[in-house]
Amino acid sequence: MRRNIQSELRQHLDSNERLLWTGQPKKGILFRTADIFLIPFSVLWCGFAIFWMIMASQAGLFALFGIPFVIIGLIFVFGRFIIDAKQRENTFYGVTEDRIIIKSGVFSKSLKSLSIKNLSDIEYNEKNDGSGTISVGPKNPMMIWGNGMSWWPGMKSNTQLDSIFDVRKVYNQIIEIQNQKG
């Protein structure tokens, strides 16, 4: 597994760079804080859309108008977990002496490179099992409830190393590199 992550990132390294740490987000379905709001909302949305379609079809109204709302409801109820899991499965993180590398994407790959010496507002959240998320840069206050929804159009959160193992160790490593560069 570790060799696979390194091979995904090695092609993006400069000739004098070496990977100090590599990782991936947790696999599978994850429930996030935002789900406290999103799960009931999505069930209500989808339930109302299905109810509306049934009532519209019985009344002889154009029920096809409700299909997009049912599809959006199903994505919110089930699909968002699948999309999020697939996105995390295809995300790779790396830390070198100079930068943090984030490679991600399901249908097309994107690469983000962050200079460690220029990073600001670095923080981490740790769970009881030692996993967690490192956030870099100022937080968007509008994304408090949108965590895990970055796949939805227009929902870009701040840059983060999401759901990684040994989050405190990785955070300390980044801070140590930053202090050496300072």
C-alpha atoms as a PDB file:
ATOM      1  CA  MET A   1       0.000   0.000   0.000  1.00  0.00           C
ATOM      2  CA  ARG A   2       2.717   2.492   1.017  1.00  0.00           C
ATOM      3  CA  ARG A   3       4.705   1.808  -2.151  1.00  0.00           C
ATOM      4  CA  ASN A   4       1.588   2.529  -4.244  1.00  0.00           C
ATOM      5  CA  ILE A   5       1.146   5.966  -2.618  1.00  0.00           C
ATOM      6  CA  GLN A   6       4.816   6.787  -3.136  1.00  0.00           C
ATOM      7  CA  SER A   7       4.675   5.757  -6.804  1.00  0.00           C
ATOM      8  CA  GLU A   8       1.600   7.979  -7.296  1.00  0.00           C
ATOM      9  CA  LEU A   9       3.521  10.985  -5.960  1.00  0.00           C
ATOM     10  CA  ARG A  10       7.118  10.286  -7.007  1.00  0.00           C
ATOM     11  CA  GLN A  11       6.508  11.388 -10.593  1.00  0.00           C
ATOM     12  CA  HIS A  12       5.607  14.877  -9.309  1.00  0.00           C
ATOM     13  CA  LEU A  13       8.787  15.413  -7.281  1.00  0.00           C
ATOM     14  CA  ASP A  14      11.657  17.668  -8.284  1.00  0.00           C
ATOM     15  CA  SER A  15      14.995  15.936  -8.785  1.00  0.00           C
ATOM     16  CA  ASN A  16      16.308  16.965  -5.350  1.00  0.00           C
ATOM     17  CA  GLU A  17      13.094  16.220  -3.421  1.00  0.00           C
ATOM     18  CA  ARG A  18      12.308  13.186  -1.305  1.00  0.00           C
ATOM     19  CA  LEU A  19       9.099  12.151   0.386  1.00  0.00           C
ATOM     20  CA  LEU A  20       9.238  12.367   4.191  1.00  0.00           C
ATOM     21  CA  TRP A  21       5.654  11.182   4.701  1.00  0.00           C
ATOM     22  CA  THR A  22       2.924   9.773   2.476  1.00  0.00           C
ATOM     23  CA  GLY A  23      -0.636   8.872   3.237  1.00  0.00           C
ATOM     24  CA  GLN A  24      -4.224   8.588   2.123  1.00  0.00           C
ATOM     25  CA  PRO A  25      -7.531   9.433   3.755  1.00  0.00           C
ATOM     26  CA  LYS A  26      -9.476   6.710   5.524  1.00  0.00           C
ATOM     27  CA  LYS A  27     -11.322   4.391   3.164  1.00  0.00           C
ATOM     28  CA  GLY A  28     -15.021   3.615   3.044  1.00  0.00           C
ATOM     29  CA  ILE A  29     -18.106   5.463   4.203  1.00  0.00           C
ATOM     30  CA  LEU A  30     -17.421   8.265   6.688  1.00  0.00           C
ATOM     31  CA  PHE A  31     -19.937  10.134   8.753  1.00  0.00           C
ATOM     32  CA  ARG A  32     -18.993  13.733   9.466  1.00  0.00           C
ATOM     33  CA  THR A  33     -20.283  16.428  11.789  1.00  0.00           C
ATOM     34  CA  ALA A  34     -22.246  17.987   8.927  1.00  0.00           C
ATOM     35  CA  ASP A  35     -24.285  14.772   8.659  1.00  0.00           C
ATOM     36  CA  ILE A  36     -26.169  15.752  11.818  1.00  0.00           C
ATOM     37  CA  PHE A  37     -27.897  18.324   9.609  1.00  0.00           C
ATOM     38  CA  LEU A  38     -27.556  16.755   6.159  1.00  0.00           C
ATOM     39  CA  ILE A  39     -29.069  13.318   6.877  1.00  0.00           C
ATOM     40  CA  PRO A  40     -32.440  14.576   8.168  1.00  0.00           C
ATOM     41  CA  PHE A  41     -32.516  17.296   5.491  1.00  0.00           C
ATOM     42  CA  SER A  42     -31.769  14.829   2.691  1.00  0.00           C
ATOM     43  CA  VAL A  43     -34.403  12.341   3.886  1.00  0.00           C
ATOM     44  CA  LEU A  44     -37.012  15.117   4.078  1.00  0.00           C
ATOM     45  CA  TRP A  45     -36.022  16.469   0.646  1.00  0.00           C
ATOM     46  CA  CYS A  46     -36.112  13.069  -1.037  1.00  0.00           C
ATOM     47  CA  GLY A  47     -39.294  12.022   0.749  1.00  0.00           C
ATOM     48  CA  PHE A  48     -41.094  15.215  -0.265  1.00  0.00           C
ATOM     49  CA  ALA A  49     -39.877  14.911  -3.883  1.00  0.00           C
ATOM     50  CA  ILE A  50     -41.140  11.320  -4.124  1.00  0.00           C
ATOM     51  CA  PHE A  51     -44.435  12.278  -2.442  1.00  0.00           C
ATOM     52  CA  TRP A  52     -44.833  15.211  -4.860  1.00  0.00           C
ATOM     53  CA  MET A  53     -44.195  12.979  -7.899  1.00  0.00           C
ATOM     54  CA  ILE A  54     -46.747  10.413  -6.742  1.00  0.00           C
ATOM     55  CA  MET A  55     -49.365  13.076  -6.049  1.00  0.00           C
ATOM     56  CA  ALA A  56     -48.647  14.871  -9.334  1.00  0.00           C
ATOM     57  CA  SER A  57     -48.942  11.662 -11.356  1.00  0.00           C
ATOM     58  CA  GLN A  58     -52.247  10.752  -9.668  1.00  0.00           C
ATOM     59  CA  ALA A  59     -53.604  14.242 -10.345  1.00  0.00           C
ATOM     60  CA  GLY A  60     -52.623  13.949 -13.999  1.00  0.00           C
ATOM     61  CA  LEU A  61     -50.025  16.719 -13.720  1.00  0.00           C
ATOM     62  CA  PHE A  62     -46.679  16.575 -15.430  1.00  0.00           C
ATOM     63  CA  ALA A  63     -44.857  14.358 -12.888  1.00  0.00           C
ATOM     64  CA  LEU A  64     -41.591  14.260 -14.864  1.00  0.00           C
ATOM     65  CA  PHE A  65     -40.831  17.742 -13.538  1.00  0.00           C
ATOM     66  CA  GLY A  66     -40.099  16.139 -10.144  1.00  0.00           C
ATOM     67  CA  ILE A  67     -37.501  13.655 -11.425  1.00  0.00           C
ATOM     68  CA  PRO A  68     -34.506  16.029 -11.014  1.00  0.00           C
ATOM     69  CA  PHE A  69     -35.591  16.725  -7.424  1.00  0.00           C
ATOM     70  CA  VAL A  70     -35.830  13.000  -6.673  1.00  0.00           C
ATOM     71  CA  ILE A  71     -32.373  12.440  -8.210  1.00  0.00           C
ATOM     72  CA  ILE A  72     -30.886  15.259  -6.112  1.00  0.00           C
ATOM     73  CA  GLY A  73     -32.607  13.773  -3.049  1.00  0.00           C
ATOM     74  CA  LEU A  74     -31.159  10.315  -3.741  1.00  0.00           C
ATOM     75  CA  ILE A  75     -27.696  11.816  -4.190  1.00  0.00           C
ATOM     76  CA  PHE A  76     -28.041  13.590  -0.840  1.00  0.00           C
ATOM     77  CA  VAL A  77     -29.361  10.482   0.923  1.00  0.00           C
ATOM     78  CA  PHE A  78     -26.995   7.838  -0.539  1.00  0.00           C
ATOM     79  CA  GLY A  79     -24.874   9.107  -3.390  1.00  0.00           C
ATOM     80  CA  ARG A  80     -22.845  11.679  -1.493  1.00  0.00           C
ATOM     81  CA  PHE A  81     -21.363   8.963   0.727  1.00  0.00           C
ATOM     82  CA  ILE A  82     -20.355   6.905  -2.304  1.00  0.00           C
ATOM     83  CA  ILE A  83     -18.920   9.923  -4.141  1.00  0.00           C
ATOM     84  CA  ASP A  84     -16.980  11.032  -1.043  1.00  0.00           C
ATOM     85  CA  ALA A  85     -15.574   7.511  -0.507  1.00  0.00           C
ATOM     86  CA  LYS A  86     -14.497   7.250  -4.151  1.00  0.00           C
ATOM     87  CA  GLN A  87     -12.868  10.672  -3.999  1.00  0.00           C
ATOM     88  CA  ARG A  88     -10.920   9.775  -0.842  1.00  0.00           C
ATOM     89  CA  GLU A  89      -9.875   6.463  -2.383  1.00  0.00           C
ATOM     90  CA  ASN A  90      -8.233   8.411  -5.219  1.00  0.00           C
ATOM     91  CA  THR A  91      -6.501  11.003  -3.011  1.00  0.00           C
ATOM     92  CA  PHE A  92      -2.809  10.819  -2.127  1.00  0.00           C
ATOM     93  CA  TYR A  93      -0.879  13.048   0.270  1.00  0.00           C
ATOM     94  CA  GLY A  94       2.845  13.655   0.501  1.00  0.00           C
ATOM     95  CA  VAL A  95       5.148  15.836   2.581  1.00  0.00           C
ATOM     96  CA  THR A  96       8.655  16.742   1.407  1.00  0.00           C
ATOM     97  CA  GLU A  97      11.254  19.113   2.892  1.00  0.00           C
ATOM     98  CA  ASP A  98       9.683  21.984   0.955  1.00  0.00           C
ATOM     99  CA  ARG A  99       6.043  21.292   0.248  1.00  0.00           C
ATOM    100  CA  ILE A 100       2.833  19.384   0.794  1.00  0.00           C
ATOM    101  CA  ILE A 101       1.529  17.555  -2.279  1.00  0.00           C
ATOM    102  CA  ILE A 102      -2.127  16.602  -2.697  1.00  0.00           C
ATOM    103  CA  LYS A 103      -3.060  14.494  -5.713  1.00  0.00           C
ATOM    104  CA  SER A 104      -6.754  13.781  -6.162  1.00  0.00           C
ATOM    105  CA  GLY A 105      -9.538  13.198  -8.629  1.00  0.00           C
ATOM    106  CA  VAL A 106     -11.840  10.435  -9.813  1.00  0.00           C
ATOM    107  CA  PHE A 107     -12.330  11.185 -13.504  1.00  0.00           C
ATOM    108  CA  SER A 108      -9.420  13.605 -13.941  1.00  0.00           C
ATOM    109  CA  LYS A 109      -6.416  14.130 -11.705  1.00  0.00           C
ATOM    110  CA  SER A 110      -5.537  17.405 -10.023  1.00  0.00           C
ATOM    111  CA  LEU A 111      -2.336  18.203  -8.189  1.00  0.00           C
ATOM    112  CA  LYS A 112      -1.991  20.818  -5.464  1.00  0.00           C
ATOM    113  CA  SER A 113       1.407  21.841  -4.166  1.00  0.00           C
ATOM    114  CA  LEU A 114       1.722  23.979  -1.022  1.00  0.00           C
ATOM    115  CA  SER A 115       5.021  25.565  -0.010  1.00  0.00           C
ATOM    116  CA  ILE A 116       5.561  24.670   3.644  1.00  0.00           C
ATOM    117  CA  LYS A 117       7.435  27.876   4.449  1.00  0.00           C
ATOM    118  CA  ASN A 118       4.474  29.974   3.186  1.00  0.00           C
ATOM    119  CA  LEU A 119       1.716  28.066   5.001  1.00  0.00           C
ATOM    120  CA  SER A 120      -0.484  29.961   7.420  1.00  0.00           C
ATOM    121  CA  ASP A 121      -3.281  29.018   9.770  1.00  0.00           C
ATOM    122  CA  ILE A 122      -2.303  25.367  10.169  1.00  0.00           C
ATOM    123  CA  GLU A 123      -4.504  23.403  12.561  1.00  0.00           C
ATOM    124  CA  TYR A 124      -5.524  19.838  13.137  1.00  0.00           C
ATOM    125  CA  ASN A 125      -8.495  18.031  14.616  1.00  0.00           C
ATOM    126  CA  GLU A 126      -7.777  14.660  16.195  1.00  0.00           C
ATOM    127  CA  LYS A 127     -10.206  11.857  17.012  1.00  0.00           C
ATOM    128  CA  ASN A 128      -9.774   9.323  19.812  1.00  0.00           C
ATOM    129  CA  ASP A 129      -8.172   6.796  17.438  1.00  0.00           C
ATOM    130  CA  GLY A 130      -5.398   9.261  16.456  1.00  0.00           C
ATOM    131  CA  SER A 131      -6.822   9.979  13.025  1.00  0.00           C
ATOM    132  CA  GLY A 132      -7.932  13.422  11.976  1.00  0.00           C
ATOM    133  CA  THR A 133      -7.681  16.279   9.543  1.00  0.00           C
ATOM    134  CA  ILE A 134      -5.025  18.967   9.058  1.00  0.00           C
ATOM    135  CA  SER A 135      -6.456  22.221   7.700  1.00  0.00           C
ATOM    136  CA  VAL A 136      -4.265  24.787   5.970  1.00  0.00           C
ATOM    137  CA  GLY A 137      -5.158  28.415   5.367  1.00  0.00           C
ATOM    138  CA  PRO A 138      -8.007  30.543   6.618  1.00  0.00           C
ATOM    139  CA  LYS A 139     -11.287  28.732   7.121  1.00  0.00           C
ATOM    140  CA  ASN A 140     -14.332  29.623   5.101  1.00  0.00           C
ATOM    141  CA  PRO A 141     -17.086  30.207   7.680  1.00  0.00           C
ATOM    142  CA  MET A 142     -19.697  29.130   5.139  1.00  0.00           C
ATOM    143  CA  MET A 143     -18.172  25.632   4.969  1.00  0.00           C
ATOM    144  CA  ILE A 144     -18.872  24.632   8.585  1.00  0.00           C
ATOM    145  CA  TRP A 145     -21.810  22.460   7.496  1.00  0.00           C
ATOM    146  CA  GLY A 146     -20.322  21.621   4.104  1.00  0.00           C
ATOM    147  CA  ASN A 147     -17.434  19.440   5.303  1.00  0.00           C
ATOM    148  CA  GLY A 148     -17.310  16.372   3.075  1.00  0.00           C
ATOM    149  CA  MET A 149     -19.332  18.086   0.349  1.00  0.00           C
ATOM    150  CA  SER A 150     -16.432  19.428  -1.735  1.00  0.00           C
ATOM    151  CA  TRP A 151     -17.555  17.214  -4.642  1.00  0.00           C
ATOM    152  CA  TRP A 152     -20.742  19.291  -4.993  1.00  0.00           C
ATOM    153  CA  PRO A 153     -20.394  22.158  -7.516  1.00  0.00           C
ATOM    154  CA  GLY A 154     -19.396  25.390  -5.790  1.00  0.00           C
ATOM    155  CA  MET A 155     -18.595  23.719  -2.462  1.00  0.00           C
ATOM    156  CA  LYS A 156     -14.829  24.078  -2.214  1.00  0.00           C
ATOM    157  CA  SER A 157     -13.513  23.889   1.325  1.00  0.00           C
ATOM    158  CA  ASN A 158     -10.130  25.054   2.515  1.00  0.00           C
ATOM    159  CA  THR A 159      -7.135  22.878   1.721  1.00  0.00           C
ATOM    160  CA  GLN A 160      -6.805  19.917   4.045  1.00  0.00           C
ATOM    161  CA  LEU A 161      -5.245  16.538   4.612  1.00  0.00           C
ATOM    162  CA  ASP A 162      -8.549  14.813   5.331  1.00  0.00           C
ATOM    163  CA  SER A 163      -9.043  11.801   7.631  1.00  0.00           C
ATOM    164  CA  ILE A 164      -5.395  10.745   7.896  1.00  0.00           C
ATOM    165  CA  PHE A 165      -3.906   8.355  10.440  1.00  0.00           C
ATOM    166  CA  ASP A 166      -1.432   9.689  13.058  1.00  0.00           C
ATOM    167  CA  VAL A 167      -2.594  13.247  12.398  1.00  0.00           C
ATOM    168  CA  ARG A 168      -0.626  14.734  15.319  1.00  0.00           C
ATOM    169  CA  LYS A 169       2.623  13.156  14.091  1.00  0.00           C
ATOM    170  CA  VAL A 170       2.130  14.557  10.572  1.00  0.00           C
ATOM    171  CA  TYR A 171       1.131  17.981  11.948  1.00  0.00           C
ATOM    172  CA  ASN A 172       4.240  18.094  14.157  1.00  0.00           C
ATOM    173  CA  GLN A 173       6.397  17.076  11.202  1.00  0.00           C
ATOM    174  CA  ILE A 174       5.016  19.937   9.082  1.00  0.00           C
ATOM    175  CA  ILE A 175       5.515  22.448  11.925  1.00  0.00           C
ATOM    176  CA  GLU A 176       9.086  21.185  12.472  1.00  0.00           C
ATOM    177  CA  ILE A 177       9.908  21.598   8.772  1.00  0.00           C
ATOM    178  CA  GLN A 178       8.331  25.053   8.818  1.00  0.00           C
ATOM    179  CA  ASN A 179      10.432  26.069  11.855  1.00  0.00           C
ATOM    180  CA  GLN A 180      13.616  24.829  10.142  1.00  0.00           C
ATOM    181  CA  LYS A 181      12.798  26.875   7.038  1.00  0.00           C
ATOM    182  CA  GLY A 182      11.897  29.984   9.049  1.00  0.00           C
END
